[in-house]
Amino acid sequence: MQKFVDARNCDFERLSLITLILKSIRFRRIEIMKAILVVGDGMSDRPLKELDGKTPLEIAETPNLDKVARAGVCGIMDIISPGIPPGSDIANIALLGYDPIKSYRGRGALEAFGANIPVNEGDVAFRGNFAYIEEGIVIDRRAGRIDGTIFKDYLSEVHLPSHPEISVTVMPTLEHRLVVVLRGRGLSWKVSDTDPHKDKVKVLKSTPLDSSEEAERTAFIVNKLSEELADLMEKHPVNRERAGRGLPRANGILLRGAGEPPAIKSMRELFSIKGGCVSATPTVRGVCRYAGFDVYDAPGGTGSINTDTISKAKTVEQILPDYDLVYLHVKGTDNASHDGNPRLKVKIIENIDKMIGHLLDHIDLDETYLAVTADHTTSCTAKDHRGDPVPVAICGPEVRSDSVALFSERSCAAGGLGRIKGMDLMPILLDFLNKTKLIGS
């Protein structure tokens, strides 16, 4: 068998053609590299007494998450900076690579856009809760986690008699949550919440957050709207029925997170990235839509503790051929944390692990990078977000793997990524996809 090419008999035209073909194959391989970013909402936690000083991630059976850690490079990540608890809106903006401090304009517009309600320049959007209120005191700010979609038609034509020039859109979203959009001239998103963010305290009055006439006018309108909504909700027959059964009534609406569209450009414009998102959570859907991603529903993907994680994985599997990057978000771990239920959190983490297992079995790992992380730490003890770093692991064809063998907060801290910030993660993934640009010459 001939093991070398004799230059004296070489067909240089043919050799040049072969070289071009080989180069095109190599460059084509670069072009088809893909990435999946899996975000377990609030999946990270602190060591808990109920779990013998371990975190839910350390207790849960996670063979597939551990497989990603063993095959990849790991680290821990401060979403904003050490010790600063991020909201889910800020956190997901950062994970997509944007500077959240510069681009953030309130959560309301993200939530509304995620619920398919456009928010235009000059509009002001709020997120809110259906709540049980007695004599101005918040008894249950989630109204027993009522399914607010039962009020969708009832609230579809809300009017504000004191300000008929302002149009009002009210749209229930997930469980007890809803969005409200105000449209008209002379509005400002620089107003405070009416939601006190805890029970057994008074409902707040919205106040202007700057000295502008627009902010003062908007705060007045928000307070009038809150009165109008409370009157409407008190009259709804569902509340009479719930009272008869001893359930919390949804007789008021608490508003928070006033906002306008964030100051960001699309990922396609910035990096020529075509992105897809699989999430049921309006805030995440809104962030991804503003980033230029197409958003998909997964059958059975509820955005709650009972979400079908395998359906989410199958949806990613189906859409991945059409995208460079797919953002996969699971909400349930955060819900369990806010309810202070670590055992439920462990169960949901194990469902996320099964989702990761499906992805590992059905995607081409020679052409796909898989990253797994959380958008923040949510403490089951505090029942709220905390500033602790979250674990992150990335596996794929050209990853410099480290010695980490388990996916958890403490194990990943020893990994090769070290300690990074939230907005560092996307450039790392884009560099694997050969989508970043050289700095300097």
Protein backbone atom coordinates (compact mmCIF):
# COMPACT_ATOMS: atom_id res chain seq x y z
CA MET A 1 0.00 0.00 0.00
CA GLN A 2 1.33 3.43 -0.93
CA LYS A 3 1.85 5.47 2.25
CA PHE A 4 3.12 8.71 0.76
CA VAL A 5 2.56 10.99 -2.22
CA ASP A 6 5.35 11.20 -4.75
CA ALA A 7 5.55 14.91 -5.60
CA ARG A 8 6.96 14.16 -9.01
CA ASN A 9 3.74 12.39 -10.06
CA CYS A 10 1.30 14.54 -8.12
CA ASP A 11 -1.76 16.06 -9.80
CA PHE A 12 -1.61 19.48 -8.14
CA GLU A 13 -5.02 20.58 -9.43
CA ARG A 14 -6.59 17.46 -7.95
CA LEU A 15 -4.68 17.94 -4.70
CA SER A 16 -5.84 21.56 -4.47
CA LEU A 17 -9.43 20.48 -4.99
CA ILE A 18 -9.13 17.86 -2.25
CA THR A 19 -7.62 20.49 0.06
CA LEU A 20 -10.53 22.85 -0.59
CA ILE A 21 -13.04 20.07 0.10
CA LEU A 22 -11.33 19.18 3.37
CA LYS A 23 -11.28 22.84 4.40
CA SER A 24 -14.97 23.24 3.58
CA ILE A 25 -15.80 20.17 5.66
CA ARG A 26 -13.81 21.57 8.58
CA PHE A 27 -15.46 24.98 8.37
CA ARG A 28 -18.90 23.42 7.89
CA ARG A 29 -18.38 21.46 11.11
CA ILE A 30 -17.68 24.71 12.94
CA GLU A 31 -20.89 26.24 11.55
CA ILE A 32 -23.13 23.41 12.80
CA MET A 33 -21.89 23.44 16.41
CA LYS A 34 -24.77 24.09 18.79
CA ALA A 35 -25.33 24.82 22.47
CA ILE A 36 -28.07 24.13 25.00
CA LEU A 37 -28.19 26.16 28.21
CA VAL A 38 -30.30 24.52 30.94
CA VAL A 39 -31.36 26.79 33.81
CA GLY A 40 -32.91 25.32 36.95
CA ASP A 41 -34.69 28.30 38.50
CA GLY A 42 -33.48 28.74 42.08
CA MET A 43 -31.98 25.23 41.99
CA SER A 44 -29.00 26.24 44.12
CA ASP A 45 -29.47 26.42 47.91
CA ARG A 46 -27.68 26.63 51.23
CA PRO A 47 -26.89 23.65 53.50
CA LEU A 48 -30.07 22.78 55.41
CA LYS A 49 -30.55 21.25 58.87
CA GLU A 50 -33.43 19.14 57.53
CA LEU A 51 -30.98 17.58 55.05
CA ASP A 52 -28.19 16.94 57.58
CA GLY A 53 -26.22 19.99 56.54
CA LYS A 54 -26.40 19.27 52.82
CA THR A 55 -28.07 21.18 50.00
CA PRO A 56 -30.95 19.72 47.95
CA LEU A 57 -28.51 19.27 45.04
CA GLU A 58 -26.20 17.26 47.29
CA ILE A 59 -29.04 15.04 48.55
CA ALA A 60 -30.79 14.44 45.21
CA GLU A 61 -29.98 11.44 43.02
CA THR A 62 -28.50 13.15 39.95
CA PRO A 63 -26.53 10.64 37.83
CA ASN A 64 -27.01 12.66 34.65
CA LEU A 65 -26.09 16.05 36.10
CA ASP A 66 -23.03 14.33 37.58
CA LYS A 67 -22.22 12.90 34.15
CA VAL A 68 -22.20 16.45 32.71
CA ALA A 69 -19.89 17.56 35.54
CA ARG A 70 -17.49 14.63 35.03
CA ALA A 71 -17.34 15.11 31.26
CA GLY A 72 -17.05 18.86 31.37
CA VAL A 73 -15.58 21.91 33.02
CA CYS A 74 -17.21 23.25 36.19
CA GLY A 75 -17.23 26.34 38.34
CA ILE A 76 -19.39 28.58 40.47
CA MET A 77 -21.04 31.75 39.31
CA ASP A 78 -22.09 35.00 40.96
CA ILE A 79 -25.04 36.11 38.86
CA ILE A 80 -24.41 39.80 39.63
CA SER A 81 -21.55 39.93 42.14
CA PRO A 82 -20.74 38.15 45.43
CA GLY A 83 -23.42 38.51 48.06
CA ILE A 84 -25.95 40.32 45.84
CA PRO A 85 -29.26 38.42 45.48
CA PRO A 86 -30.63 38.82 41.93
CA GLY A 87 -34.25 38.79 40.88
CA SER A 88 -35.18 36.30 38.17
CA ASP A 89 -35.47 39.11 35.63
CA ILE A 90 -31.99 40.51 36.29
CA ALA A 91 -30.57 36.98 36.51
CA ASN A 92 -31.81 35.82 33.12
CA ILE A 93 -30.69 39.06 31.46
CA ALA A 94 -27.21 38.40 32.85
CA LEU A 95 -27.19 34.74 31.76
CA LEU A 96 -27.85 35.86 28.19
CA GLY A 97 -24.69 37.95 28.38
CA TYR A 98 -26.15 41.44 28.84
CA ASP A 99 -25.03 43.85 31.54
CA PRO A 100 -28.14 43.84 33.76
CA ILE A 101 -27.26 47.09 35.51
CA LYS A 102 -27.11 49.02 32.22
CA SER A 103 -29.96 47.31 30.39
CA TYR A 104 -32.60 46.69 33.06
CA ARG A 105 -35.78 48.78 32.88
CA GLY A 106 -38.03 46.95 35.34
CA ARG A 107 -39.59 43.50 35.25
CA GLY A 108 -43.10 44.42 34.12
CA ALA A 109 -42.30 44.73 30.41
CA LEU A 110 -40.45 41.39 30.42
CA GLU A 111 -43.41 39.67 32.04
CA ALA A 112 -45.91 41.27 29.67
CA PHE A 113 -43.93 40.49 26.50
CA GLY A 114 -43.51 36.93 27.74
CA ALA A 115 -47.31 36.72 27.98
CA ASN A 116 -47.63 37.90 24.34
CA ILE A 117 -48.63 41.44 25.27
CA PRO A 118 -46.52 43.98 23.37
CA VAL A 119 -45.08 46.84 25.39
CA ASN A 120 -44.32 49.93 23.33
CA GLU A 121 -42.18 52.94 24.08
CA GLY A 122 -44.10 55.09 26.55
CA ASP A 123 -46.15 52.18 27.95
CA VAL A 124 -45.74 51.06 31.55
CA ALA A 125 -46.12 47.38 32.44
CA PHE A 126 -46.46 45.71 35.85
CA ARG A 127 -46.39 42.19 37.11
CA GLY A 128 -48.80 41.38 39.89
CA ASN A 129 -50.49 38.88 42.16
CA PHE A 130 -54.07 38.01 42.88
CA ALA A 131 -54.19 38.40 46.67
CA TYR A 132 -56.47 37.97 49.66
CA ILE A 133 -56.83 41.32 51.45
CA GLU A 134 -58.89 42.23 54.53
CA GLU A 135 -59.32 45.87 55.63
CA GLY A 136 -56.22 46.91 53.76
CA ILE A 137 -54.05 44.11 55.24
CA VAL A 138 -52.52 41.44 53.00
CA ILE A 139 -53.64 38.08 54.42
CA ASP A 140 -52.30 35.90 51.60
CA ARG A 141 -50.43 37.63 48.76
CA ARG A 142 -50.86 34.54 46.54
CA ALA A 143 -54.54 33.88 47.36
CA GLY A 144 -53.76 30.23 47.97
CA ARG A 145 -51.86 30.07 44.65
CA ILE A 146 -55.19 30.40 42.86
CA ASP A 147 -55.31 29.75 39.11
CA GLY A 148 -55.92 33.30 37.95
CA THR A 149 -56.85 32.31 34.40
CA ILE A 150 -60.44 31.90 35.63
CA PHE A 151 -60.57 35.72 35.71
CA LYS A 152 -59.23 36.22 32.18
CA ASP A 153 -62.51 37.14 30.48
CA TYR A 154 -63.77 39.03 33.52
CA LEU A 155 -60.76 41.37 33.46
CA SER A 156 -60.45 41.66 29.69
CA GLU A 157 -62.11 45.08 29.51
CA VAL A 158 -61.00 47.00 32.56
CA HIS A 159 -61.63 50.75 32.39
CA LEU A 160 -60.34 53.54 34.57
CA PRO A 161 -63.18 56.11 34.96
CA SER A 162 -60.87 58.69 36.52
CA HIS A 163 -58.52 58.51 33.51
CA PRO A 164 -60.44 57.39 30.41
CA GLU A 165 -57.52 58.45 28.20
CA ILE A 166 -55.42 55.61 29.66
CA SER A 167 -56.05 52.13 28.28
CA VAL A 168 -55.59 49.20 30.66
CA THR A 169 -54.75 45.60 29.74
CA VAL A 170 -54.96 42.90 32.43
CA MET A 171 -53.79 39.36 31.63
CA PRO A 172 -53.52 36.45 34.12
CA THR A 173 -50.42 34.30 33.51
CA LEU A 174 -49.22 31.45 35.76
CA GLU A 175 -51.05 30.44 38.93
CA HIS A 176 -51.73 33.59 41.01
CA ARG A 177 -49.72 35.89 38.73
CA LEU A 178 -50.82 38.45 36.16
CA VAL A 179 -49.55 41.39 34.11
CA VAL A 180 -51.01 44.87 33.72
CA VAL A 181 -50.08 47.30 30.94
CA LEU A 182 -50.95 51.01 30.96
CA ARG A 183 -50.93 52.82 27.63
CA GLY A 184 -51.28 56.56 27.10
CA ARG A 185 -49.38 59.81 27.15
CA GLY A 186 -47.40 61.15 30.07
CA LEU A 187 -46.58 57.89 31.86
CA SER A 188 -43.40 56.84 33.65
CA TRP A 189 -42.15 53.48 34.90
CA LYS A 190 -40.37 55.21 37.81
CA VAL A 191 -43.07 54.37 40.38
CA SER A 192 -43.06 52.09 43.42
CA ASP A 193 -44.98 48.86 44.08
CA THR A 194 -48.30 48.41 45.82
CA ASP A 195 -47.18 44.88 46.74
CA PRO A 196 -45.48 44.81 50.18
CA HIS A 197 -43.91 41.43 49.25
CA LYS A 198 -45.05 39.77 52.48
CA ASP A 199 -48.22 38.89 54.36
CA LYS A 200 -49.74 40.46 57.51
CA VAL A 201 -48.86 44.01 56.45
CA LYS A 202 -50.72 46.86 54.75
CA VAL A 203 -51.13 47.17 51.02
CA LEU A 204 -48.79 49.91 49.85
CA LYS A 205 -49.59 53.08 47.96
CA SER A 206 -47.61 53.62 44.78
CA THR A 207 -45.32 56.66 44.95
CA PRO A 208 -43.15 58.43 42.35
CA LEU A 209 -39.48 57.38 42.35
CA ASP A 210 -38.26 60.61 40.79
CA SER A 211 -39.39 64.22 40.75
CA SER A 212 -40.97 64.13 37.30
CA GLU A 213 -44.57 65.11 36.65
CA GLU A 214 -45.01 61.85 34.69
CA ALA A 215 -43.97 59.69 37.66
CA GLU A 216 -46.30 61.57 40.01
CA ARG A 217 -49.19 61.19 37.55
CA THR A 218 -48.49 57.49 37.00
CA ALA A 219 -48.39 56.74 40.74
CA PHE A 220 -51.78 58.43 41.13
CA ILE A 221 -53.19 56.39 38.24
CA VAL A 222 -51.80 53.13 39.72
CA ASN A 223 -53.50 53.80 43.06
CA LYS A 224 -56.81 54.57 41.35
CA LEU A 225 -56.47 51.41 39.26
CA SER A 226 -55.79 49.32 42.38
CA GLU A 227 -59.05 50.59 43.90
CA GLU A 228 -60.95 49.79 40.70
CA LEU A 229 -59.48 46.27 40.48
CA ALA A 230 -60.22 45.55 44.15
CA ASP A 231 -63.86 46.55 43.61
CA LEU A 232 -64.13 44.27 40.58
CA MET A 233 -62.48 41.30 42.28
CA GLU A 234 -64.61 41.59 45.42
CA LYS A 235 -67.74 41.15 43.28
CA HIS A 236 -66.59 38.03 41.44
CA PRO A 237 -68.73 34.94 42.29
CA VAL A 238 -65.65 32.72 42.58
CA ASN A 239 -64.69 34.64 45.69
CA ARG A 240 -68.05 34.03 47.35
CA GLU A 241 -67.66 30.33 46.57
CA ARG A 242 -64.08 30.24 47.93
CA ALA A 243 -65.14 32.02 51.10
CA GLY A 244 -67.84 29.37 51.61
CA ARG A 245 -65.17 26.65 51.41
CA GLY A 246 -62.79 28.45 53.75
CA LEU A 247 -60.29 29.22 50.96
CA PRO A 248 -58.40 32.51 50.54
CA ARG A 249 -60.33 34.87 48.31
CA ALA A 250 -58.66 36.64 45.37
CA ASN A 251 -60.30 39.95 46.21
CA GLY A 252 -57.42 42.26 45.35
CA ILE A 253 -54.49 42.72 43.01
CA LEU A 254 -50.98 43.70 44.11
CA LEU A 255 -48.75 45.40 41.53
CA ARG A 256 -44.94 45.47 41.36
CA GLY A 257 -42.00 45.75 39.00
CA ALA A 258 -43.12 48.70 36.86
CA GLY A 259 -41.08 48.67 33.69
CA GLU A 260 -40.50 49.49 30.06
CA PRO A 261 -38.62 47.42 27.42
CA PRO A 262 -34.97 46.67 28.35
CA ALA A 263 -32.13 48.44 26.56
CA ILE A 264 -30.74 45.43 24.71
CA LYS A 265 -30.02 44.40 21.14
CA SER A 266 -30.89 40.97 19.80
CA MET A 267 -28.36 38.13 19.95
CA ARG A 268 -28.71 37.78 16.18
CA GLU A 269 -27.66 41.40 15.72
CA LEU A 270 -24.78 41.15 18.19
CA PHE A 271 -23.39 37.68 17.45
CA SER A 272 -25.31 36.27 14.44
CA ILE A 273 -26.88 33.78 16.85
CA LYS A 274 -30.25 32.21 16.12
CA GLY A 275 -31.81 31.36 19.46
CA GLY A 276 -34.76 29.33 20.71
CA CYS A 277 -36.28 29.24 24.18
CA VAL A 278 -38.34 26.54 25.91
CA SER A 279 -39.99 28.00 29.02
CA ALA A 280 -43.44 28.52 30.49
CA THR A 281 -42.34 31.38 32.74
CA PRO A 282 -43.42 34.79 31.37
CA THR A 283 -40.36 36.67 32.66
CA VAL A 284 -37.93 34.24 31.03
CA ARG A 285 -39.97 34.16 27.82
CA GLY A 286 -39.97 37.96 27.78
CA VAL A 287 -36.21 38.25 28.30
CA CYS A 288 -35.59 35.74 25.52
CA ARG A 289 -38.01 37.47 23.15
CA TYR A 290 -36.30 40.80 23.66
CA ALA A 291 -33.02 38.98 22.94
CA GLY A 292 -34.51 37.90 19.60
CA PHE A 293 -35.19 34.26 20.49
CA ASP A 294 -38.16 32.28 19.24
CA VAL A 295 -40.17 30.96 22.20
CA TYR A 296 -41.74 27.50 22.40
CA ASP A 297 -44.25 25.80 24.66
CA ALA A 298 -43.70 22.18 25.69
CA PRO A 299 -46.82 20.02 26.16
CA GLY A 300 -47.31 19.68 29.90
CA GLY A 301 -44.76 22.40 30.60
CA THR A 302 -46.68 24.22 33.32
CA GLY A 303 -44.02 26.49 34.78
CA SER A 304 -44.79 25.00 38.19
CA ILE A 305 -43.82 22.06 40.40
CA ASN A 306 -45.73 19.58 38.23
CA THR A 307 -44.09 20.51 34.93
CA ASP A 308 -43.28 17.72 32.47
CA THR A 309 -39.49 17.92 32.24
CA ILE A 310 -39.21 15.11 29.69
CA SER A 311 -41.60 16.97 27.40
CA LYS A 312 -39.34 20.00 27.70
CA ALA A 313 -36.33 17.89 26.71
CA LYS A 314 -38.21 16.44 23.72
CA THR A 315 -39.17 19.94 22.59
CA VAL A 316 -35.52 21.00 22.72
CA GLU A 317 -34.58 17.88 20.77
CA GLN A 318 -37.12 18.77 18.07
CA ILE A 319 -36.13 22.42 17.63
CA LEU A 320 -32.36 22.15 18.09
CA PRO A 321 -31.61 21.52 14.37
CA ASP A 322 -33.02 24.99 13.59
CA TYR A 323 -31.01 26.96 16.17
CA ASP A 324 -27.47 27.76 17.28
CA LEU A 325 -28.50 28.06 20.93
CA VAL A 326 -31.50 26.80 22.88
CA TYR A 327 -32.32 28.20 26.32
CA LEU A 328 -34.17 25.62 28.46
CA HIS A 329 -35.69 26.86 31.71
CA VAL A 330 -37.41 24.92 34.53
CA LYS A 331 -39.27 26.90 37.21
CA GLY A 332 -40.39 24.31 39.80
CA THR A 333 -37.28 24.29 41.98
CA ASP A 334 -37.80 27.96 42.74
CA ASN A 335 -41.45 27.40 43.69
CA ALA A 336 -40.47 24.67 46.16
CA SER A 337 -37.81 26.95 47.67
CA HIS A 338 -40.20 29.88 48.13
CA ASP A 339 -42.60 27.48 49.87
CA GLY A 340 -39.79 26.29 52.18
CA ASN A 341 -40.12 22.67 51.04
CA PRO A 342 -36.65 21.12 50.61
CA ARG A 343 -37.94 17.57 50.05
CA LEU A 344 -40.10 18.75 47.17
CA LYS A 345 -37.11 20.66 45.81
CA VAL A 346 -35.06 17.43 45.85
CA LYS A 347 -37.81 15.67 43.89
CA ILE A 348 -37.95 18.41 41.25
CA ILE A 349 -34.14 18.38 40.93
CA GLU A 350 -34.37 14.65 40.25
CA ASN A 351 -36.95 15.37 37.53
CA ILE A 352 -34.53 17.90 36.03
CA ASP A 353 -31.86 15.19 36.12
CA LYS A 354 -34.12 12.88 34.09
CA MET A 355 -34.57 15.73 31.60
CA ILE A 356 -30.76 16.02 31.33
CA GLY A 357 -30.59 12.26 30.81
CA HIS A 358 -32.99 12.48 27.88
CA LEU A 359 -30.89 15.22 26.31
CA LEU A 360 -27.67 13.24 26.76
CA ASP A 361 -29.30 10.24 25.07
CA HIS A 362 -30.82 12.15 22.14
CA ILE A 363 -28.44 14.91 21.12
CA ASP A 364 -25.17 14.61 19.20
CA LEU A 365 -22.54 15.37 21.83
CA ASP A 366 -19.89 15.58 19.11
CA GLU A 367 -21.60 18.70 17.80
CA THR A 368 -23.41 20.10 20.86
CA TYR A 369 -22.31 21.88 24.02
CA LEU A 370 -24.52 21.34 27.06
CA ALA A 371 -24.35 23.81 29.95
CA VAL A 372 -26.29 23.46 33.21
CA THR A 373 -26.69 26.06 35.93
CA ALA A 374 -29.19 27.98 38.10
CA ASP A 375 -30.27 31.60 37.75
CA HIS A 376 -29.84 32.26 41.47
CA THR A 377 -29.71 30.62 44.88
CA THR A 378 -33.13 30.36 46.51
CA SER A 379 -32.94 29.43 50.18
CA CYS A 380 -35.58 27.03 51.51
CA THR A 381 -34.94 28.51 54.97
CA ALA A 382 -35.33 32.17 53.98
CA LYS A 383 -37.90 31.30 51.30
CA ASP A 384 -36.26 33.91 49.09
CA HIS A 385 -33.34 34.59 46.77
CA ARG A 386 -29.87 34.86 48.26
CA GLY A 387 -26.51 36.09 46.98
CA ASP A 388 -24.63 32.77 47.17
CA PRO A 389 -22.96 31.64 43.92
CA VAL A 390 -24.55 28.89 41.83
CA PRO A 391 -22.90 25.81 40.27
CA VAL A 392 -22.25 25.63 36.53
CA ALA A 393 -21.02 22.79 34.33
CA ILE A 394 -20.32 22.73 30.57
CA CYS A 395 -19.63 19.60 28.54
CA GLY A 396 -18.98 19.29 24.82
CA PRO A 397 -16.53 18.24 22.12
CA GLU A 398 -13.66 20.62 22.88
CA VAL A 399 -14.11 21.33 26.58
CA ARG A 400 -11.04 21.09 28.83
CA SER A 401 -12.58 18.80 31.44
CA ASP A 402 -11.51 19.04 35.07
CA SER A 403 -11.59 16.63 38.02
CA VAL A 404 -15.07 17.50 39.33
CA ALA A 405 -17.26 14.40 39.59
CA LEU A 406 -20.52 15.73 41.09
CA PHE A 407 -22.85 18.58 40.16
CA SER A 408 -23.39 20.55 43.35
CA GLU A 409 -22.56 23.88 44.90
CA ARG A 410 -19.49 22.68 46.79
CA SER A 411 -18.17 20.20 44.22
CA CYS A 412 -18.31 22.63 41.29
CA ALA A 413 -16.39 25.24 43.31
CA ALA A 414 -13.23 23.16 42.69
CA GLY A 415 -13.65 23.22 38.90
CA GLY A 416 -11.58 24.68 36.12
CA LEU A 417 -13.92 27.61 35.39
CA GLY A 418 -13.24 29.01 38.83
CA ARG A 419 -15.60 31.74 40.00
CA ILE A 420 -17.22 33.74 37.21
CA LYS A 421 -20.05 36.26 36.84
CA GLY A 422 -23.40 35.58 35.25
CA MET A 423 -22.71 37.68 32.20
CA ASP A 424 -19.46 35.72 31.61
CA LEU A 425 -21.29 32.48 30.81
CA MET A 426 -22.71 33.45 27.42
CA PRO A 427 -19.35 34.62 25.98
CA ILE A 428 -17.85 31.29 27.08
CA LEU A 429 -20.58 29.38 25.21
CA LEU A 430 -20.34 31.64 22.18
CA ASP A 431 -16.57 31.12 22.07
CA PHE A 432 -17.13 27.35 21.95
CA LEU A 433 -19.48 28.02 19.02
CA ASN A 434 -16.77 30.15 17.36
CA LYS A 435 -19.07 33.19 17.43
CA THR A 436 -16.87 35.59 19.40
CA LYS A 437 -14.63 38.21 17.85
CA LEU A 438 -10.93 38.76 18.36
CA ILE A 439 -10.02 41.67 20.61
CA GLY A 440 -6.91 43.45 19.36
CA SER A 441 -4.85 42.17 16.45
